[in-house]
Amino acid sequence: MPNYIINKEKTDGRYNEVHTTACIFKPAFQNQQALGWHADEIDAVAYAKRNGYPDADGCYYCCERAHHG
């Protein structure tokens, strides 16, 4: 199970992107919020949406199955 974080700032003013902690495209440390360990990216994005980030979306590179925007 990977560990996930979310970008507290919206990408293109539209989405808060969810990344694995190993992603080379993750946001700067000060713009990250930990989401914890999840079975997969779909679960991590769903968790983010339930916990204050209704516009969460998966990173194109590390969370491809949860990327919609």
PDB file of N, CA and C in Angstrom:
ATOM      1  N   MET A   1       0.843  -1.188   0.000  1.00  0.00           N
ATOM      2  CA  MET A   1       0.000   0.000   0.000  1.00  0.00           C
ATOM      3  C   MET A   1       0.882   1.243   0.000  1.00  0.00           C
ATOM      4  N   PRO A   2       0.729   2.079  -1.011  1.00  0.00           N
ATOM      5  CA  PRO A   2       1.516   3.318  -1.070  1.00  0.00           C
ATOM      6  C   PRO A   2       1.008   4.380  -0.092  1.00  0.00           C
ATOM      7  N   ASN A   3       1.887   5.296   0.209  1.00  0.00           N
ATOM      8  CA  ASN A   3       1.575   6.449   1.042  1.00  0.00           C
ATOM      9  C   ASN A   3       1.249   7.610   0.100  1.00  0.00           C
ATOM     10  N   TYR A   4       0.187   8.354   0.396  1.00  0.00           N
ATOM     11  CA  TYR A   4      -0.276   9.412  -0.489  1.00  0.00           C
ATOM     12  C   TYR A   4      -0.279  10.771   0.191  1.00  0.00           C
ATOM     13  N   ILE A   5      -0.143  11.801  -0.643  1.00  0.00           N
ATOM     14  CA  ILE A   5      -0.254  13.194  -0.196  1.00  0.00           C
ATOM     15  C   ILE A   5      -1.147  13.921  -1.195  1.00  0.00           C
ATOM     16  N   ILE A   6      -1.625  15.106  -0.789  1.00  0.00           N
ATOM     17  CA  ILE A   6      -2.416  15.936  -1.689  1.00  0.00           C
ATOM     18  C   ILE A   6      -1.803  17.323  -1.751  1.00  0.00           C
ATOM     19  N   ASN A   7      -1.902  17.929  -2.914  1.00  0.00           N
ATOM     20  CA  ASN A   7      -1.443  19.304  -3.096  1.00  0.00           C
ATOM     21  C   ASN A   7      -2.518  20.228  -2.535  1.00  0.00           C
ATOM     22  N   LYS A   8      -2.181  21.023  -1.527  1.00  0.00           N
ATOM     23  CA  LYS A   8      -3.141  21.937  -0.920  1.00  0.00           C
ATOM     24  C   LYS A   8      -3.527  23.071  -1.861  1.00  0.00           C
ATOM     25  N   GLU A   9      -2.688  23.347  -2.862  1.00  0.00           N
ATOM     26  CA  GLU A   9      -2.997  24.366  -3.862  1.00  0.00           C
ATOM     27  C   GLU A   9      -3.585  23.681  -5.095  1.00  0.00           C
ATOM     28  N   LYS A  10      -4.578  24.302  -5.690  1.00  0.00           N
ATOM     29  CA  LYS A  10      -5.207  23.708  -6.871  1.00  0.00           C
ATOM     30  C   LYS A  10      -4.324  23.865  -8.106  1.00  0.00           C
ATOM     31  N   THR A  11      -4.252  22.803  -8.887  1.00  0.00           N
ATOM     32  CA  THR A  11      -3.533  22.812 -10.153  1.00  0.00           C
ATOM     33  C   THR A  11      -4.441  23.447 -11.199  1.00  0.00           C
ATOM     34  N   ASP A  12      -3.940  24.426 -11.919  1.00  0.00           N
ATOM     35  CA  ASP A  12      -4.725  25.148 -12.921  1.00  0.00           C
ATOM     36  C   ASP A  12      -5.998  25.747 -12.336  1.00  0.00           C
ATOM     37  N   GLY A  13      -6.017  25.973 -11.032  1.00  0.00           N
ATOM     38  CA  GLY A  13      -7.186  26.543 -10.378  1.00  0.00           C
ATOM     39  C   GLY A  13      -8.384  25.613 -10.321  1.00  0.00           C
ATOM     40  N   ARG A  14      -8.172  24.326 -10.640  1.00  0.00           N
ATOM     41  CA  ARG A  14      -9.304  23.403 -10.734  1.00  0.00           C
ATOM     42  C   ARG A  14      -9.254  22.225  -9.772  1.00  0.00           C
ATOM     43  N   TYR A  15      -8.087  21.586  -9.630  1.00  0.00           N
ATOM     44  CA  TYR A  15      -8.007  20.331  -8.887  1.00  0.00           C
ATOM     45  C   TYR A  15      -6.905  20.356  -7.837  1.00  0.00           C
ATOM     46  N   ASN A  16      -7.170  19.655  -6.738  1.00  0.00           N
ATOM     47  CA  ASN A  16      -6.126  19.351  -5.767  1.00  0.00           C
ATOM     48  C   ASN A  16      -5.631  17.962  -6.127  1.00  0.00           C
ATOM     49  N   GLU A  17      -4.397  17.872  -6.601  1.00  0.00           N
ATOM     50  CA  GLU A  17      -3.890  16.595  -7.092  1.00  0.00           C
ATOM     51  C   GLU A  17      -3.352  15.706  -5.976  1.00  0.00           C
ATOM     52  N   VAL A  18      -3.708  14.449  -6.060  1.00  0.00           N
ATOM     53  CA  VAL A  18      -3.224  13.419  -5.148  1.00  0.00           C
ATOM     54  C   VAL A  18      -2.008  12.764  -5.798  1.00  0.00           C
ATOM     55  N   HIS A  19      -0.945  12.569  -5.001  1.00  0.00           N
ATOM     56  CA  HIS A  19       0.304  11.966  -5.466  1.00  0.00           C
ATOM     57  C   HIS A  19       0.749  10.898  -4.486  1.00  0.00           C
ATOM     58  N   THR A  20       1.551   9.951  -4.969  1.00  0.00           N
ATOM     59  CA  THR A  20       2.265   9.074  -4.048  1.00  0.00           C
ATOM     60  C   THR A  20       3.434   9.889  -3.495  1.00  0.00           C
ATOM     61  N   THR A  21       3.948   9.481  -2.360  1.00  0.00           N
ATOM     62  CA  THR A  21       5.082  10.211  -1.791  1.00  0.00           C
ATOM     63  C   THR A  21       6.347  10.014  -2.619  1.00  0.00           C
ATOM     64  N   ALA A  22       6.358   9.016  -3.506  1.00  0.00           N
ATOM     65  CA  ALA A  22       7.514   8.761  -4.361  1.00  0.00           C
ATOM     66  C   ALA A  22       7.446   9.499  -5.701  1.00  0.00           C
ATOM     67  N   CYS A  23       6.358  10.178  -5.983  1.00  0.00           N
ATOM     68  CA  CYS A  23       6.170  10.838  -7.277  1.00  0.00           C
ATOM     69  C   CYS A  23       7.159  11.990  -7.465  1.00  0.00           C
ATOM     70  N   ILE A  24       7.764  12.060  -8.636  1.00  0.00           N
ATOM     71  CA  ILE A  24       8.719  13.146  -8.890  1.00  0.00           C
ATOM     72  C   ILE A  24       7.999  14.463  -9.187  1.00  0.00           C
ATOM     73  N   PHE A  25       6.690  14.423  -9.363  1.00  0.00           N
ATOM     74  CA  PHE A  25       5.910  15.626  -9.643  1.00  0.00           C
ATOM     75  C   PHE A  25       5.110  16.100  -8.435  1.00  0.00           C
ATOM     76  N   LYS A  26       5.375  15.542  -7.262  1.00  0.00           N
ATOM     77  CA  LYS A  26       4.637  15.961  -6.068  1.00  0.00           C
ATOM     78  C   LYS A  26       4.953  17.423  -5.751  1.00  0.00           C
ATOM     79  N   PRO A  27       4.052  18.100  -5.045  1.00  0.00           N
ATOM     80  CA  PRO A  27       4.258  19.516  -4.741  1.00  0.00           C
ATOM     81  C   PRO A  27       5.349  19.735  -3.697  1.00  0.00           C
ATOM     82  N   ALA A  28       5.758  20.986  -3.585  1.00  0.00           N
ATOM     83  CA  ALA A  28       6.728  21.363  -2.555  1.00  0.00           C
ATOM     84  C   ALA A  28       6.184  20.982  -1.178  1.00  0.00           C
ATOM     85  N   PHE A  29       7.081  20.710  -0.258  1.00  0.00           N
ATOM     86  CA  PHE A  29       6.690  20.231   1.072  1.00  0.00           C
ATOM     87  C   PHE A  29       5.636  21.121   1.723  1.00  0.00           C
ATOM     88  N   GLN A  30       5.785  22.441   1.619  1.00  0.00           N
ATOM     89  CA  GLN A  30       4.848  23.351   2.282  1.00  0.00           C
ATOM     90  C   GLN A  30       3.447  23.309   1.657  1.00  0.00           C
ATOM     91  N   ASN A  31       3.312  22.735   0.476  1.00  0.00           N
ATOM     92  CA  ASN A  31       2.008  22.628  -0.184  1.00  0.00           C
ATOM     93  C   ASN A  31       1.401  21.232  -0.079  1.00  0.00           C
ATOM     94  N   GLN A  32       2.020  20.358   0.707  1.00  0.00           N
ATOM     95  CA  GLN A  32       1.544  18.981   0.848  1.00  0.00           C
ATOM     96  C   GLN A  32       0.729  18.790   2.117  1.00  0.00           C
ATOM     97  N   GLN A  33      -0.261  17.901   2.015  1.00  0.00           N
ATOM     98  CA  GLN A  33      -0.951  17.410   3.200  1.00  0.00           C
ATOM     99  C   GLN A  33      -0.977  15.894   3.091  1.00  0.00           C
ATOM    100  N   ALA A  34      -0.594  15.235   4.146  1.00  0.00           N
ATOM    101  CA  ALA A  34      -0.552  13.772   4.150  1.00  0.00           C
ATOM    102  C   ALA A  34      -1.961  13.191   4.116  1.00  0.00           C
ATOM    103  N   LEU A  35      -2.143  12.160   3.311  1.00  0.00           N
ATOM    104  CA  LEU A  35      -3.408  11.422   3.267  1.00  0.00           C
ATOM    105  C   LEU A  35      -3.260  10.040   3.885  1.00  0.00           C
ATOM    106  N   GLY A  36      -2.035   9.607   4.085  1.00  0.00           N
ATOM    107  CA  GLY A  36      -1.786   8.309   4.701  1.00  0.00           C
ATOM    108  C   GLY A  36      -1.682   7.187   3.682  1.00  0.00           C
ATOM    109  N   TRP A  37      -1.694   5.963   4.202  1.00  0.00           N
ATOM    110  CA  TRP A  37      -1.564   4.767   3.386  1.00  0.00           C
ATOM    111  C   TRP A  37      -2.932   4.356   2.860  1.00  0.00           C
ATOM    112  N   HIS A  38      -2.993   3.990   1.587  1.00  0.00           N
ATOM    113  CA  HIS A  38      -4.248   3.528   0.973  1.00  0.00           C
ATOM    114  C   HIS A  38      -3.949   2.359   0.037  1.00  0.00           C
ATOM    115  N   ALA A  39      -4.944   1.536  -0.193  1.00  0.00           N
ATOM    116  CA  ALA A  39      -4.780   0.362  -1.037  1.00  0.00           C
ATOM    117  C   ALA A  39      -4.400   0.729  -2.467  1.00  0.00           C
ATOM    118  N   ASP A  40      -4.952   1.844  -2.958  1.00  0.00           N
ATOM    119  CA  ASP A  40      -4.650   2.300  -4.306  1.00  0.00           C
ATOM    120  C   ASP A  40      -5.029   3.769  -4.450  1.00  0.00           C
ATOM    121  N   GLU A  41      -4.762   4.323  -5.642  1.00  0.00           N
ATOM    122  CA  GLU A  41      -5.004   5.743  -5.861  1.00  0.00           C
ATOM    123  C   GLU A  41      -6.484   6.110  -5.856  1.00  0.00           C
ATOM    124  N   ILE A  42      -7.331   5.185  -6.260  1.00  0.00           N
ATOM    125  CA  ILE A  42      -8.771   5.457  -6.252  1.00  0.00           C
ATOM    126  C   ILE A  42      -9.259   5.638  -4.822  1.00  0.00           C
ATOM    127  N   ASP A  43      -8.787   4.801  -3.925  1.00  0.00           N
ATOM    128  CA  ASP A  43      -9.138   4.916  -2.511  1.00  0.00           C
ATOM    129  C   ASP A  43      -8.580   6.209  -1.917  1.00  0.00           C
ATOM    130  N   ALA A  44      -7.366   6.581  -2.292  1.00  0.00           N
ATOM    131  CA  ALA A  44      -6.754   7.800  -1.768  1.00  0.00           C
ATOM    132  C   ALA A  44      -7.511   9.049  -2.219  1.00  0.00           C
ATOM    133  N   VAL A  45      -7.925   9.092  -3.475  1.00  0.00           N
ATOM    134  CA  VAL A  45      -8.690  10.241  -3.978  1.00  0.00           C
ATOM    135  C   VAL A  45     -10.061  10.302  -3.296  1.00  0.00           C
ATOM    136  N   ALA A  46     -10.712   9.161  -3.143  1.00  0.00           N
ATOM    137  CA  ALA A  46     -12.006   9.123  -2.451  1.00  0.00           C
ATOM    138  C   ALA A  46     -11.865   9.624  -1.017  1.00  0.00           C
ATOM    139  N   TYR A  47     -10.803   9.217  -0.345  1.00  0.00           N
ATOM    140  CA  TYR A  47     -10.542   9.679   1.027  1.00  0.00           C
ATOM    141  C   TYR A  47     -10.365  11.198   1.048  1.00  0.00           C
ATOM    142  N   ALA A  48      -9.583  11.725   0.104  1.00  0.00           N
ATOM    143  CA  ALA A  48      -9.363  13.176   0.041  1.00  0.00           C
ATOM    144  C   ALA A  48     -10.678  13.921  -0.175  1.00  0.00           C
ATOM    145  N   LYS A  49     -11.532  13.400  -1.044  1.00  0.00           N
ATOM    146  CA  LYS A  49     -12.827  14.042  -1.317  1.00  0.00           C
ATOM    147  C   LYS A  49     -13.714  14.053  -0.081  1.00  0.00           C
ATOM    148  N   ARG A  50     -13.643  13.010   0.728  1.00  0.00           N
ATOM    149  CA  ARG A  50     -14.439  12.936   1.959  1.00  0.00           C
ATOM    150  C   ARG A  50     -13.871  13.806   3.071  1.00  0.00           C
ATOM    151  N   ASN A  51     -12.633  14.255   2.920  1.00  0.00           N
ATOM    152  CA  ASN A  51     -11.953  14.960   4.005  1.00  0.00           C
ATOM    153  C   ASN A  51     -11.472  16.355   3.605  1.00  0.00           C
ATOM    154  N   GLY A  52     -12.345  17.110   2.954  1.00  0.00           N
ATOM    155  CA  GLY A  52     -12.067  18.523   2.732  1.00  0.00           C
ATOM    156  C   GLY A  52     -11.534  18.921   1.374  1.00  0.00           C
ATOM    157  N   TYR A  53     -11.379  17.965   0.477  1.00  0.00           N
ATOM    158  CA  TYR A  53     -10.870  18.273  -0.864  1.00  0.00           C
ATOM    159  C   TYR A  53     -11.834  17.721  -1.920  1.00  0.00           C
ATOM    160  N   PRO A  54     -13.010  18.341  -2.083  1.00  0.00           N
ATOM    161  CA  PRO A  54     -14.007  17.810  -3.022  1.00  0.00           C
ATOM    162  C   PRO A  54     -13.544  17.816  -4.481  1.00  0.00           C
ATOM    163  N   ASP A  55     -12.530  18.618  -4.787  1.00  0.00           N
ATOM    164  CA  ASP A  55     -12.009  18.685  -6.152  1.00  0.00           C
ATOM    165  C   ASP A  55     -10.739  17.859  -6.331  1.00  0.00           C
ATOM    166  N   ALA A  56     -10.542  16.863  -5.480  1.00  0.00           N
ATOM    167  CA  ALA A  56      -9.345  16.014  -5.582  1.00  0.00           C
ATOM    168  C   ALA A  56      -9.361  15.216  -6.877  1.00  0.00           C
ATOM    169  N   ASP A  57      -8.180  15.038  -7.440  1.00  0.00           N
ATOM    170  CA  ASP A  57      -8.002  14.261  -8.669  1.00  0.00           C
ATOM    171  C   ASP A  57      -6.632  13.594  -8.599  1.00  0.00           C
ATOM    172  N   GLY A  58      -6.489  12.483  -9.243  1.00  0.00           N
ATOM    173  CA  GLY A  58      -5.215  11.772  -9.239  1.00  0.00           C
ATOM    174  C   GLY A  58      -4.197  12.391 -10.177  1.00  0.00           C
ATOM    175  N   CYS A  59      -2.945  12.327  -9.814  1.00  0.00           N
ATOM    176  CA  CYS A  59      -1.835  12.786 -10.662  1.00  0.00           C
ATOM    177  C   CYS A  59      -1.781  11.934 -11.925  1.00  0.00           C
ATOM    178  N   TYR A  60      -1.572  12.565 -13.052  1.00  0.00           N
ATOM    179  CA  TYR A  60      -1.476  11.881 -14.341  1.00  0.00           C
ATOM    180  C   TYR A  60      -0.355  10.852 -14.346  1.00  0.00           C
ATOM    181  N   TYR A  61       0.720  11.116 -13.616  1.00  0.00           N
ATOM    182  CA  TYR A  61       1.911  10.274 -13.656  1.00  0.00           C
ATOM    183  C   TYR A  61       1.916   9.144 -12.630  1.00  0.00           C
ATOM    184  N   CYS A  62       1.490   9.426 -11.418  1.00  0.00           N
ATOM    185  CA  CYS A  62       1.595   8.394 -10.377  1.00  0.00           C
ATOM    186  C   CYS A  62       0.244   7.814  -9.934  1.00  0.00           C
ATOM    187  N   CYS A  63      -0.853   8.450 -10.313  1.00  0.00           N
ATOM    188  CA  CYS A  63      -2.196   7.980  -9.937  1.00  0.00           C
ATOM    189  C   CYS A  63      -3.085   7.930 -11.170  1.00  0.00           C
ATOM    190  N   GLU A  64      -2.573   7.308 -12.202  1.00  0.00           N
ATOM    191  CA  GLU A  64      -3.222   7.331 -13.512  1.00  0.00           C
ATOM    192  C   GLU A  64      -4.672   6.854 -13.495  1.00  0.00           C
ATOM    193  N   ARG A  65      -4.952   5.799 -12.739  1.00  0.00           N
ATOM    194  CA  ARG A  65      -6.331   5.270 -12.709  1.00  0.00           C
ATOM    195  C   ARG A  65      -7.319   6.239 -12.072  1.00  0.00           C
ATOM    196  N   ALA A  66      -6.845   7.165 -11.246  1.00  0.00           N
ATOM    197  CA  ALA A  66      -7.728   8.129 -10.578  1.00  0.00           C
ATOM    198  C   ALA A  66      -7.642   9.511 -11.228  1.00  0.00           C
ATOM    199  N   HIS A  67      -6.937   9.629 -12.329  1.00  0.00           N
ATOM    200  CA  HIS A  67      -6.793  10.918 -13.007  1.00  0.00           C
ATOM    201  C   HIS A  67      -7.946  11.108 -13.987  1.00  0.00           C
ATOM    202  N   HIS A  68      -8.680  12.211 -13.806  1.00  0.00           N
ATOM    203  CA  HIS A  68      -9.816  12.496 -14.682  1.00  0.00           C
ATOM    204  C   HIS A  68      -9.731  13.878 -15.308  1.00  0.00           C
ATOM    205  N   GLY A  69      -8.937  14.767 -14.734  1.00  0.00           N
ATOM    206  CA  GLY A  69      -8.895  16.139 -15.221  1.00  0.00           C
ATOM    207  C   GLY A  69      -7.732  16.387 -16.019  1.00  0.00           C
TER     208      GLY A  69
END
